[in-house]
Every structure is written in C-alpha cells, then in structure tokens.
Amino acid sequence: MKGCDRDGDGFLLNKSDWSEEVMYEMAKMDGIEITDEIKSILIKQEKCIVQQAQYHQLEYLQKNLVWIERQVNCMKFLNLDQ
C-alpha cells in the first residue's frame, strides 16, 4: 500500500502520507486492532502533532523576520541602504 513506507522504528518516512486508511494498514501489518477508543486517541494525537509543527514554523518565521528587521535597521544606521 502506498504511504506505508516506514523507518526501522516503524514510523512513516513521509508524515504527509498519514491517513486513517494508512493507520489501519499499519496496524494490520503490526498485528494491532484499532478500536474506536484507540482511533480517537490517534486522531487527536495526529492533530496535536500538526498544530505543533505549524507553531514551530510560525516561530521560525517570526525569528527570521526579527533578524531581517535588525539587519535593515543596522543598514539604515550605517547608511548602507542607499
């Protein structure tokens, strides 16, 4: 099945391949039954991981914007922006 390429620890190589279908296929390969309770937990966990990744991307962007702003101010101070 497409999307079940995993590393040596069993994690997906490409996180964007994750879907409920992949979840069930991986569980089947590992001999695990996905109950409604487990499914609910896994879906909530996946959403948290996505939100955390988005937060880190925004944090990285914000840090870069602060650095760029400092560089621009420094150039203006040194009259290098002309």
C-alpha atoms as a PDB file:
ATOM      1  CA  MET A   1       0.000   0.000   0.000  1.00  0.00           C
ATOM      2  CA  LYS A   2       1.221   3.482  -0.854  1.00  0.00           C
ATOM      3  CA  GLY A   3       2.019   5.524   2.211  1.00  0.00           C
ATOM      4  CA  CYS A   4       3.255   2.701   4.418  1.00  0.00           C
ATOM      5  CA  ASP A   5       6.971   3.247   3.841  1.00  0.00           C
ATOM      6  CA  ARG A   6       8.455   3.199   7.345  1.00  0.00           C
ATOM      7  CA  ASP A   7      11.802   3.585   9.039  1.00  0.00           C
ATOM      8  CA  GLY A   8      13.457   0.974  11.248  1.00  0.00           C
ATOM      9  CA  ASP A   9      11.385   2.062  14.243  1.00  0.00           C
ATOM     10  CA  GLY A  10       8.105   1.715  12.342  1.00  0.00           C
ATOM     11  CA  PHE A  11       7.432   5.428  11.830  1.00  0.00           C
ATOM     12  CA  LEU A  12       6.263   6.761   8.476  1.00  0.00           C
ATOM     13  CA  LEU A  13       9.106   8.077   6.353  1.00  0.00           C
ATOM     14  CA  ASN A  14       6.843  10.787   4.948  1.00  0.00           C
ATOM     15  CA  LYS A  15       4.499  12.264   7.573  1.00  0.00           C
ATOM     16  CA  SER A  16       2.209  13.642   4.872  1.00  0.00           C
ATOM     17  CA  ASP A  17       1.332  10.051   3.907  1.00  0.00           C
ATOM     18  CA  TRP A  18      -0.665   9.642   7.137  1.00  0.00           C
ATOM     19  CA  SER A  19      -4.371   8.962   6.763  1.00  0.00           C
ATOM     20  CA  GLU A  20      -6.939   6.788   8.505  1.00  0.00           C
ATOM     21  CA  GLU A  21      -6.506   4.217   5.751  1.00  0.00           C
ATOM     22  CA  VAL A  22      -2.740   4.143   6.363  1.00  0.00           C
ATOM     23  CA  MET A  23      -3.363   3.946  10.125  1.00  0.00           C
ATOM     24  CA  TYR A  24      -5.472   0.806   9.662  1.00  0.00           C
ATOM     25  CA  GLU A  25      -2.984  -0.736   7.227  1.00  0.00           C
ATOM     26  CA  MET A  26      -0.039  -0.111   9.559  1.00  0.00           C
ATOM     27  CA  ALA A  27      -1.979  -1.554  12.497  1.00  0.00           C
ATOM     28  CA  LYS A  28      -2.825  -4.639  10.434  1.00  0.00           C
ATOM     29  CA  MET A  29       0.854  -5.070   9.493  1.00  0.00           C
ATOM     30  CA  ASP A  30       1.792  -4.805  13.175  1.00  0.00           C
ATOM     31  CA  GLY A  31      -0.978  -7.142  14.370  1.00  0.00           C
ATOM     32  CA  ILE A  32      -2.808  -4.400  16.290  1.00  0.00           C
ATOM     33  CA  GLU A  33      -6.580  -3.947  16.389  1.00  0.00           C
ATOM     34  CA  ILE A  34      -7.730  -0.321  16.180  1.00  0.00           C
ATOM     35  CA  THR A  35     -10.727   0.110  18.473  1.00  0.00           C
ATOM     36  CA  ASP A  36     -12.877   3.249  18.405  1.00  0.00           C
ATOM     37  CA  GLU A  37     -11.098   4.471  21.554  1.00  0.00           C
ATOM     38  CA  ILE A  38      -7.623   3.941  20.053  1.00  0.00           C
ATOM     39  CA  LYS A  39      -8.734   5.589  16.799  1.00  0.00           C
ATOM     40  CA  SER A  40      -9.985   8.645  18.686  1.00  0.00           C
ATOM     41  CA  ILE A  41      -6.701   8.960  20.601  1.00  0.00           C
ATOM     42  CA  LEU A  42      -4.579   8.550  17.459  1.00  0.00           C
ATOM     43  CA  ILE A  43      -6.567  11.144  15.520  1.00  0.00           C
ATOM     44  CA  LYS A  44      -6.317  13.650  18.404  1.00  0.00           C
ATOM     45  CA  GLN A  45      -2.598  12.962  18.677  1.00  0.00           C
ATOM     46  CA  GLU A  46      -2.097  13.493  14.936  1.00  0.00           C
ATOM     47  CA  LYS A  47      -3.931  16.838  15.124  1.00  0.00           C
ATOM     48  CA  CYS A  48      -1.693  17.924  18.020  1.00  0.00           C
ATOM     49  CA  ILE A  49       1.418  16.986  16.038  1.00  0.00           C
ATOM     50  CA  VAL A  50       0.215  19.022  13.042  1.00  0.00           C
ATOM     51  CA  GLN A  51      -0.591  22.021  15.242  1.00  0.00           C
ATOM     52  CA  GLN A  52       2.798  21.791  16.936  1.00  0.00           C
ATOM     53  CA  ALA A  53       4.580  21.682  13.576  1.00  0.00           C
ATOM     54  CA  GLN A  54       2.625  24.733  12.399  1.00  0.00           C
ATOM     55  CA  TYR A  55       3.534  26.571  15.615  1.00  0.00           C
ATOM     56  CA  HIS A  56       7.239  25.821  15.129  1.00  0.00           C
ATOM     57  CA  GLN A  57       7.072  27.011  11.517  1.00  0.00           C
ATOM     58  CA  LEU A  58       5.479  30.286  12.641  1.00  0.00           C
ATOM     59  CA  GLU A  59       8.021  30.659  15.448  1.00  0.00           C
ATOM     60  CA  TYR A  60      10.872  30.130  12.950  1.00  0.00           C
ATOM     61  CA  LEU A  61       9.353  32.690  10.572  1.00  0.00           C
ATOM     62  CA  GLN A  62       8.942  35.197  13.384  1.00  0.00           C
ATOM     63  CA  LYS A  63      12.585  34.791  14.443  1.00  0.00           C
ATOM     64  CA  ASN A  64      13.726  35.293  10.860  1.00  0.00           C
ATOM     65  CA  LEU A  65      11.585  38.401  10.489  1.00  0.00           C
ATOM     66  CA  VAL A  66      13.112  39.868  13.661  1.00  0.00           C
ATOM     67  CA  TRP A  67      16.607  39.114  12.313  1.00  0.00           C
ATOM     68  CA  ILE A  68      15.776  40.743   8.959  1.00  0.00           C
ATOM     69  CA  GLU A  69      14.354  43.798  10.694  1.00  0.00           C
ATOM     70  CA  ARG A  70      17.549  44.145  12.725  1.00  0.00           C
ATOM     71  CA  GLN A  71      19.660  43.879   9.598  1.00  0.00           C
ATOM     72  CA  VAL A  72      17.605  46.563   7.842  1.00  0.00           C
ATOM     73  CA  ASN A  73      17.866  48.885  10.859  1.00  0.00           C
ATOM     74  CA  CYS A  74      21.601  48.309  11.035  1.00  0.00           C
ATOM     75  CA  MET A  75      21.975  49.080   7.319  1.00  0.00           C
ATOM     76  CA  LYS A  76      19.963  52.273   7.753  1.00  0.00           C
ATOM     77  CA  PHE A  77      22.079  53.275  10.751  1.00  0.00           C
ATOM     78  CA  LEU A  78      25.269  52.735   8.745  1.00  0.00           C
ATOM     79  CA  ASN A  79      23.773  54.395   5.657  1.00  0.00           C
ATOM     80  CA  LEU A  80      24.238  51.191   3.652  1.00  0.00           C
ATOM     81  CA  ASP A  81      20.680  51.091   2.381  1.00  0.00           C
ATOM     82  CA  GLN A  82      21.253  53.534  -0.452  1.00  0.00           C
END
